[in-house]
Amino acid sequence: MKIKKEKPSQEFLRKLDVDSWSIWECEPSSFDWQYSEEELAYVLEGKVTVETAEGSMDIEKGDFVTFPKGLKCTWEVKQKIRKRYSFR
């Protein structure tokens, strides 16, 4: 299972109505996580490294990320993270 990361256009974010999504924040920390649903997330601030069985990915401000359903990972929040998210 792979995490998909991209730099979205403002038009792309508007089409998905990202401004209406819930906000999640987390101070620097490390924790294990498993996704029970697919999550779409747009990072508003911060930096995190997500470790999966396939390797690690750095995620930071401006990234649009898709986490697949069933993904098991470890989050290492390096700078306070603030993101908008939606499950589907």
Foldseek 3Di string as FASTA:
>chain_A
DDKDKDQDDPVVCVVVVLVPFDKDKDAFDKDKDAAQFKKWKAWQAFWKWKQFPVGIDIDGHRMIMIDHHGTIIMIGGPHITMMGMDTD
